[in-house]
Amino acid sequence: MRQGARVELAIEITLAGRPNWAQVVPTLARVDVIQGDVTGPAADKDAFTTPNTKVVQSYEVNKNSGTVTFTYQLGAIDRPVYVRLRGTDGKRSAPGLLGAAADPHGPAIDVYGDANPWNDLWFYSNPIWVLPRR
């Protein structure tokens, strides 16, 4: 892809139709698009943040079977970026560690002694690299 080209992310997700091993059929309530800059090796390998990374779009899922599709316009790309998808059943959300401006509906911190993993399901995709060339 050439630097300055407009990029569109097309998302298609097949919804769960059968119970998992815990006999729970997960329901997808929301999909978030997370975008950040690719800057090379981290100067501080203990850092928990990356430059300009935030939730840039959220999509509500209004069905329980089949597939859902979304498109996200990244716009004209003039620098290397990455995109990840995050999905949730929507049962436990809270502003993320860096605040609502970066992550308005992230995973809520588990309650000690009351953390049922089947009542708080999330998925994260691997990063999708968008690397323009000159």
N, C-alpha and C. Protein backbone atom coordinates (compact mmCIF):
# COMPACT_ATOMS: atom_id res chain seq x y z
N MET A 1 0.84 -1.17 0.00
CA MET A 1 0.00 0.00 0.00
C MET A 1 0.90 1.24 0.00
N ARG A 2 0.54 2.19 -0.79
CA ARG A 2 1.31 3.43 -0.88
C ARG A 2 0.97 4.39 0.26
N GLN A 3 1.97 5.13 0.70
CA GLN A 3 1.77 6.14 1.73
C GLN A 3 0.71 7.12 1.26
N GLY A 4 -0.25 7.43 2.13
CA GLY A 4 -1.35 8.34 1.80
C GLY A 4 -2.57 7.65 1.23
N ALA A 5 -2.47 6.34 0.95
CA ALA A 5 -3.63 5.61 0.42
C ALA A 5 -4.70 5.50 1.51
N ARG A 6 -5.94 5.49 1.09
CA ARG A 6 -7.06 5.32 2.01
C ARG A 6 -7.25 3.83 2.28
N VAL A 7 -7.47 3.49 3.55
CA VAL A 7 -7.58 2.09 3.95
C VAL A 7 -8.92 1.87 4.64
N GLU A 8 -9.56 0.76 4.28
CA GLU A 8 -10.82 0.34 4.90
C GLU A 8 -10.62 -1.04 5.49
N LEU A 9 -11.03 -1.23 6.72
CA LEU A 9 -10.97 -2.52 7.38
C LEU A 9 -12.35 -3.15 7.29
N ALA A 10 -12.42 -4.34 6.67
CA ALA A 10 -13.68 -5.09 6.57
C ALA A 10 -13.63 -6.21 7.60
N ILE A 11 -14.64 -6.27 8.45
CA ILE A 11 -14.68 -7.23 9.56
C ILE A 11 -15.88 -8.15 9.36
N GLU A 12 -15.64 -9.45 9.44
CA GLU A 12 -16.73 -10.42 9.42
C GLU A 12 -16.49 -11.41 10.55
N ILE A 13 -17.46 -11.56 11.42
CA ILE A 13 -17.33 -12.43 12.59
C ILE A 13 -18.47 -13.44 12.58
N THR A 14 -18.11 -14.71 12.70
CA THR A 14 -19.10 -15.77 12.84
C THR A 14 -19.42 -15.92 14.32
N LEU A 15 -20.67 -15.75 14.66
CA LEU A 15 -21.09 -15.81 16.06
C LEU A 15 -21.15 -17.26 16.55
N ALA A 16 -20.91 -17.45 17.83
CA ALA A 16 -20.94 -18.79 18.42
C ALA A 16 -22.34 -19.38 18.29
N GLY A 17 -22.38 -20.64 17.90
CA GLY A 17 -23.67 -21.29 17.74
C GLY A 17 -23.82 -22.54 18.59
N ARG A 18 -22.73 -22.92 19.27
CA ARG A 18 -22.76 -24.12 20.11
C ARG A 18 -22.14 -23.80 21.46
N PRO A 19 -22.47 -24.57 22.47
CA PRO A 19 -21.87 -24.35 23.79
C PRO A 19 -20.38 -24.66 23.77
N ASN A 20 -19.63 -23.93 24.59
CA ASN A 20 -18.21 -24.25 24.80
C ASN A 20 -18.13 -25.40 25.80
N TRP A 21 -16.91 -25.73 26.23
CA TRP A 21 -16.76 -26.88 27.13
C TRP A 21 -17.45 -26.67 28.47
N ALA A 22 -17.71 -25.41 28.85
CA ALA A 22 -18.42 -25.12 30.11
C ALA A 22 -19.94 -25.10 29.90
N GLN A 23 -20.37 -25.48 28.69
CA GLN A 23 -21.79 -25.52 28.33
C GLN A 23 -22.43 -24.12 28.29
N VAL A 24 -21.62 -23.11 27.98
CA VAL A 24 -22.07 -21.74 27.82
C VAL A 24 -21.99 -21.40 26.34
N VAL A 25 -23.07 -20.83 25.79
CA VAL A 25 -23.02 -20.32 24.42
C VAL A 25 -22.71 -18.83 24.53
N PRO A 26 -21.47 -18.43 24.22
CA PRO A 26 -21.09 -17.02 24.35
C PRO A 26 -21.92 -16.14 23.42
N THR A 27 -22.29 -14.98 23.91
CA THR A 27 -23.03 -14.00 23.12
C THR A 27 -22.14 -12.77 22.95
N LEU A 28 -21.94 -12.35 21.72
CA LEU A 28 -21.12 -11.18 21.43
C LEU A 28 -22.01 -9.94 21.46
N ALA A 29 -21.69 -8.98 22.33
CA ALA A 29 -22.49 -7.77 22.47
C ALA A 29 -21.86 -6.56 21.77
N ARG A 30 -20.52 -6.49 21.78
CA ARG A 30 -19.85 -5.31 21.22
C ARG A 30 -18.48 -5.72 20.66
N VAL A 31 -18.08 -5.04 19.58
CA VAL A 31 -16.75 -5.21 19.02
C VAL A 31 -16.10 -3.83 18.98
N ASP A 32 -14.90 -3.73 19.54
CA ASP A 32 -14.14 -2.48 19.53
C ASP A 32 -12.98 -2.60 18.55
N VAL A 33 -12.71 -1.51 17.84
CA VAL A 33 -11.52 -1.42 17.00
C VAL A 33 -10.50 -0.58 17.77
N ILE A 34 -9.33 -1.16 18.01
CA ILE A 34 -8.25 -0.50 18.74
C ILE A 34 -7.15 -0.20 17.73
N GLN A 35 -6.68 1.05 17.69
CA GLN A 35 -5.65 1.44 16.73
C GLN A 35 -4.51 2.14 17.46
N GLY A 36 -3.29 1.88 17.00
CA GLY A 36 -2.11 2.52 17.59
C GLY A 36 -1.02 2.69 16.56
N ASP A 37 -0.05 3.51 16.88
CA ASP A 37 1.10 3.75 16.00
C ASP A 37 2.14 2.67 16.19
N VAL A 38 2.82 2.31 15.10
CA VAL A 38 3.95 1.39 15.14
C VAL A 38 5.20 2.26 15.18
N THR A 39 5.97 2.14 16.25
CA THR A 39 7.13 3.03 16.42
C THR A 39 8.46 2.31 16.51
N GLY A 40 8.47 1.00 16.37
CA GLY A 40 9.72 0.25 16.48
C GLY A 40 9.90 -0.30 17.87
N PRO A 41 11.10 -0.80 18.17
CA PRO A 41 11.35 -1.39 19.49
C PRO A 41 11.09 -0.39 20.62
N ALA A 42 10.54 -0.91 21.71
CA ALA A 42 10.25 -0.06 22.87
C ALA A 42 11.54 0.33 23.58
N ALA A 43 11.64 1.59 23.92
CA ALA A 43 12.79 2.06 24.69
C ALA A 43 12.75 1.48 26.10
N ASP A 44 11.54 1.40 26.67
CA ASP A 44 11.34 0.84 28.01
C ASP A 44 10.52 -0.43 27.87
N LYS A 45 11.15 -1.57 27.98
CA LYS A 45 10.47 -2.85 27.78
C LYS A 45 9.47 -3.17 28.89
N ASP A 46 9.46 -2.40 29.97
CA ASP A 46 8.49 -2.59 31.05
C ASP A 46 7.28 -1.67 30.90
N ALA A 47 7.22 -0.87 29.85
CA ALA A 47 6.10 0.05 29.65
C ALA A 47 4.83 -0.74 29.33
N PHE A 48 3.71 -0.28 29.85
CA PHE A 48 2.43 -0.94 29.62
C PHE A 48 1.58 -0.20 28.60
N THR A 49 2.10 0.82 27.97
CA THR A 49 1.33 1.59 27.01
C THR A 49 2.11 1.73 25.71
N THR A 50 1.38 2.06 24.67
CA THR A 50 1.98 2.34 23.37
C THR A 50 1.47 3.70 22.90
N PRO A 51 2.26 4.40 22.10
CA PRO A 51 1.86 5.75 21.70
C PRO A 51 0.56 5.79 20.91
N ASN A 52 -0.30 6.68 21.30
CA ASN A 52 -1.54 6.98 20.56
C ASN A 52 -2.47 5.79 20.37
N THR A 53 -2.38 4.79 21.22
CA THR A 53 -3.27 3.63 21.10
C THR A 53 -4.57 3.91 21.84
N LYS A 54 -5.69 3.67 21.14
CA LYS A 54 -6.99 3.87 21.78
C LYS A 54 -8.07 3.15 20.99
N VAL A 55 -9.23 3.03 21.60
CA VAL A 55 -10.41 2.51 20.92
C VAL A 55 -10.89 3.62 19.98
N VAL A 56 -10.93 3.30 18.69
CA VAL A 56 -11.31 4.31 17.70
C VAL A 56 -12.73 4.13 17.19
N GLN A 57 -13.31 2.95 17.42
CA GLN A 57 -14.69 2.70 16.98
C GLN A 57 -15.24 1.52 17.75
N SER A 58 -16.51 1.57 18.08
CA SER A 58 -17.20 0.44 18.71
C SER A 58 -18.45 0.13 17.92
N TYR A 59 -18.75 -1.16 17.81
CA TYR A 59 -19.93 -1.62 17.08
C TYR A 59 -20.77 -2.49 18.01
N GLU A 60 -22.04 -2.19 18.11
CA GLU A 60 -22.96 -3.02 18.88
C GLU A 60 -23.41 -4.18 17.99
N VAL A 61 -23.46 -5.37 18.58
CA VAL A 61 -23.90 -6.56 17.86
C VAL A 61 -25.34 -6.82 18.28
N ASN A 62 -26.24 -6.83 17.33
CA ASN A 62 -27.66 -6.94 17.66
C ASN A 62 -28.28 -8.24 17.17
N LYS A 63 -27.49 -9.31 17.19
CA LYS A 63 -28.03 -10.62 16.82
C LYS A 63 -27.25 -11.70 17.55
N ASN A 64 -27.81 -12.90 17.59
CA ASN A 64 -27.21 -13.98 18.36
C ASN A 64 -26.73 -15.15 17.51
N SER A 65 -26.95 -15.12 16.20
CA SER A 65 -26.53 -16.24 15.37
C SER A 65 -26.11 -15.74 14.00
N GLY A 66 -25.40 -16.61 13.28
CA GLY A 66 -24.96 -16.26 11.93
C GLY A 66 -23.66 -15.46 11.96
N THR A 67 -23.57 -14.47 11.10
CA THR A 67 -22.39 -13.63 11.03
C THR A 67 -22.77 -12.16 11.15
N VAL A 68 -21.82 -11.36 11.59
CA VAL A 68 -21.98 -9.91 11.62
C VAL A 68 -20.83 -9.31 10.82
N THR A 69 -21.10 -8.21 10.15
CA THR A 69 -20.07 -7.53 9.36
C THR A 69 -20.05 -6.05 9.70
N PHE A 70 -18.86 -5.49 9.71
CA PHE A 70 -18.66 -4.07 9.98
C PHE A 70 -17.55 -3.58 9.06
N THR A 71 -17.52 -2.29 8.80
CA THR A 71 -16.38 -1.70 8.11
C THR A 71 -15.93 -0.48 8.91
N TYR A 72 -14.61 -0.31 8.96
CA TYR A 72 -14.02 0.84 9.64
C TYR A 72 -13.08 1.52 8.66
N GLN A 73 -13.26 2.83 8.50
CA GLN A 73 -12.43 3.63 7.61
C GLN A 73 -11.22 4.15 8.39
N LEU A 74 -10.03 3.64 8.08
CA LEU A 74 -8.82 4.15 8.70
C LEU A 74 -8.42 5.48 8.09
N GLY A 75 -8.89 5.76 6.90
CA GLY A 75 -8.55 7.01 6.22
C GLY A 75 -7.22 6.89 5.50
N ALA A 76 -6.65 8.04 5.16
CA ALA A 76 -5.36 8.09 4.47
C ALA A 76 -4.25 7.77 5.48
N ILE A 77 -3.48 6.74 5.20
CA ILE A 77 -2.44 6.29 6.12
C ILE A 77 -1.09 6.86 5.69
N ASP A 78 -0.48 7.65 6.57
CA ASP A 78 0.80 8.29 6.27
C ASP A 78 1.94 7.78 7.15
N ARG A 79 1.62 6.81 8.05
CA ARG A 79 2.61 6.27 8.98
C ARG A 79 2.20 4.84 9.31
N PRO A 80 3.11 4.01 9.79
CA PRO A 80 2.75 2.64 10.16
C PRO A 80 1.82 2.63 11.37
N VAL A 81 0.76 1.86 11.28
CA VAL A 81 -0.20 1.70 12.38
C VAL A 81 -0.56 0.22 12.51
N TYR A 82 -1.18 -0.11 13.61
CA TYR A 82 -1.75 -1.44 13.75
C TYR A 82 -3.18 -1.30 14.24
N VAL A 83 -3.97 -2.32 13.98
CA VAL A 83 -5.36 -2.36 14.40
C VAL A 83 -5.59 -3.73 15.04
N ARG A 84 -6.32 -3.74 16.14
CA ARG A 84 -6.75 -4.99 16.78
C ARG A 84 -8.24 -4.91 17.01
N LEU A 85 -8.88 -6.05 17.06
CA LEU A 85 -10.29 -6.13 17.41
C LEU A 85 -10.42 -6.72 18.80
N ARG A 86 -11.39 -6.22 19.53
CA ARG A 86 -11.69 -6.74 20.86
C ARG A 86 -13.20 -6.90 20.94
N GLY A 87 -13.65 -8.03 21.42
CA GLY A 87 -15.08 -8.27 21.55
C GLY A 87 -15.43 -8.66 22.97
N THR A 88 -16.67 -8.40 23.35
CA THR A 88 -17.12 -8.68 24.70
C THR A 88 -18.58 -9.12 24.71
N ASP A 89 -18.92 -9.87 25.75
CA ASP A 89 -20.33 -10.20 25.96
C ASP A 89 -21.07 -9.03 26.61
N GLY A 90 -20.33 -8.00 27.02
CA GLY A 90 -20.94 -6.78 27.55
C GLY A 90 -21.39 -6.85 28.99
N LYS A 91 -21.04 -7.90 29.69
CA LYS A 91 -21.53 -8.06 31.06
C LYS A 91 -20.74 -7.27 32.09
N ARG A 92 -19.42 -7.02 31.83
CA ARG A 92 -18.60 -6.32 32.82
C ARG A 92 -17.64 -5.39 32.11
N SER A 93 -17.98 -4.12 32.05
CA SER A 93 -17.12 -3.13 31.41
C SER A 93 -16.86 -1.96 32.34
N ALA A 94 -15.75 -1.29 32.10
CA ALA A 94 -15.38 -0.09 32.87
C ALA A 94 -14.38 0.69 32.03
N PRO A 95 -14.23 1.99 32.28
CA PRO A 95 -13.18 2.72 31.56
C PRO A 95 -11.82 2.04 31.78
N GLY A 96 -11.01 2.03 30.73
CA GLY A 96 -9.71 1.37 30.78
C GLY A 96 -8.70 2.08 31.67
N LEU A 97 -7.56 1.47 31.82
CA LEU A 97 -6.50 1.96 32.68
C LEU A 97 -6.08 3.40 32.35
N LEU A 98 -6.11 3.76 31.06
CA LEU A 98 -5.69 5.11 30.64
C LEU A 98 -6.86 6.09 30.55
N GLY A 99 -8.03 5.68 31.03
CA GLY A 99 -9.18 6.58 31.07
C GLY A 99 -10.13 6.39 29.89
N ALA A 100 -11.28 7.01 30.02
CA ALA A 100 -12.35 6.84 29.03
C ALA A 100 -11.99 7.41 27.66
N ALA A 101 -11.10 8.39 27.59
CA ALA A 101 -10.73 8.95 26.29
C ALA A 101 -9.98 7.93 25.44
N ALA A 102 -9.22 7.03 26.06
CA ALA A 102 -8.48 6.00 25.33
C ALA A 102 -9.27 4.70 25.24
N ASP A 103 -10.05 4.38 26.27
CA ASP A 103 -10.77 3.12 26.32
C ASP A 103 -12.03 3.27 27.16
N PRO A 104 -13.13 3.70 26.54
CA PRO A 104 -14.33 3.99 27.32
C PRO A 104 -15.02 2.77 27.93
N HIS A 105 -14.84 1.58 27.33
CA HIS A 105 -15.57 0.40 27.79
C HIS A 105 -14.69 -0.83 27.84
N GLY A 106 -13.60 -0.75 28.57
CA GLY A 106 -12.69 -1.89 28.69
C GLY A 106 -13.17 -2.89 29.71
N PRO A 107 -12.40 -3.98 29.88
CA PRO A 107 -12.77 -4.98 30.88
C PRO A 107 -12.72 -4.41 32.30
N ALA A 108 -13.72 -4.73 33.09
CA ALA A 108 -13.73 -4.33 34.50
C ALA A 108 -12.76 -5.21 35.28
N ILE A 109 -12.15 -4.66 36.30
CA ILE A 109 -11.25 -5.42 37.15
C ILE A 109 -12.07 -6.48 37.88
N ASP A 110 -11.52 -7.69 37.95
CA ASP A 110 -12.22 -8.78 38.63
C ASP A 110 -12.37 -8.48 40.12
N VAL A 111 -13.46 -8.94 40.67
CA VAL A 111 -13.72 -8.81 42.09
C VAL A 111 -13.09 -10.03 42.77
N TYR A 112 -12.18 -9.78 43.71
CA TYR A 112 -11.49 -10.87 44.40
C TYR A 112 -12.50 -11.82 45.04
N GLY A 113 -12.38 -13.09 44.74
CA GLY A 113 -13.27 -14.10 45.31
C GLY A 113 -14.57 -14.27 44.55
N ASP A 114 -14.80 -13.45 43.52
CA ASP A 114 -16.04 -13.54 42.75
C ASP A 114 -15.74 -13.27 41.28
N ALA A 115 -14.86 -14.07 40.70
CA ALA A 115 -14.45 -13.86 39.31
C ALA A 115 -14.83 -15.08 38.48
N ASN A 116 -16.06 -15.15 38.06
CA ASN A 116 -16.53 -16.23 37.21
C ASN A 116 -16.17 -15.90 35.76
N PRO A 117 -15.24 -16.64 35.16
CA PRO A 117 -14.81 -16.30 33.81
C PRO A 117 -15.92 -16.40 32.76
N TRP A 118 -16.94 -17.17 33.00
CA TRP A 118 -18.01 -17.34 32.02
C TRP A 118 -19.02 -16.18 32.07
N ASN A 119 -18.90 -15.31 33.06
CA ASN A 119 -19.75 -14.12 33.13
C ASN A 119 -19.01 -12.87 32.67
N ASP A 120 -17.86 -13.06 32.03
CA ASP A 120 -17.04 -11.91 31.62
C ASP A 120 -16.14 -12.36 30.47
N LEU A 121 -16.73 -12.56 29.30
CA LEU A 121 -15.98 -13.10 28.17
C LEU A 121 -15.51 -11.98 27.23
N TRP A 122 -14.24 -12.06 26.85
CA TRP A 122 -13.63 -11.10 25.93
C TRP A 122 -12.79 -11.85 24.91
N PHE A 123 -12.65 -11.28 23.70
CA PHE A 123 -11.67 -11.81 22.77
C PHE A 123 -10.84 -10.65 22.25
N TYR A 124 -9.61 -10.95 21.87
CA TYR A 124 -8.70 -9.99 21.25
C TYR A 124 -8.12 -10.64 20.01
N SER A 125 -8.11 -9.92 18.89
CA SER A 125 -7.47 -10.45 17.69
C SER A 125 -5.98 -10.15 17.74
N ASN A 126 -5.23 -10.84 16.92
CA ASN A 126 -3.84 -10.46 16.71
C ASN A 126 -3.81 -9.11 16.00
N PRO A 127 -2.69 -8.41 16.07
CA PRO A 127 -2.63 -7.11 15.37
C PRO A 127 -2.66 -7.28 13.86
N ILE A 128 -3.27 -6.32 13.22
CA ILE A 128 -3.28 -6.20 11.77
C ILE A 128 -2.37 -5.03 11.45
N TRP A 129 -1.25 -5.28 10.79
CA TRP A 129 -0.26 -4.24 10.52
C TRP A 129 -0.60 -3.51 9.23
N VAL A 130 -0.60 -2.20 9.28
CA VAL A 130 -0.81 -1.36 8.09
C VAL A 130 0.46 -0.55 7.91
N LEU A 131 1.28 -0.98 6.96
CA LEU A 131 2.63 -0.42 6.80
C LEU A 131 2.77 0.22 5.43
N PRO A 132 2.55 1.52 5.32
CA PRO A 132 2.64 2.18 4.02
C PRO A 132 4.09 2.24 3.55
N ARG A 133 4.26 2.17 2.25
CA ARG A 133 5.59 2.36 1.68
C ARG A 133 5.57 3.64 0.87
N ARG A 134 6.73 4.21 0.73
CA ARG A 134 6.83 5.49 0.02
C ARG A 134 6.86 5.29 -1.46
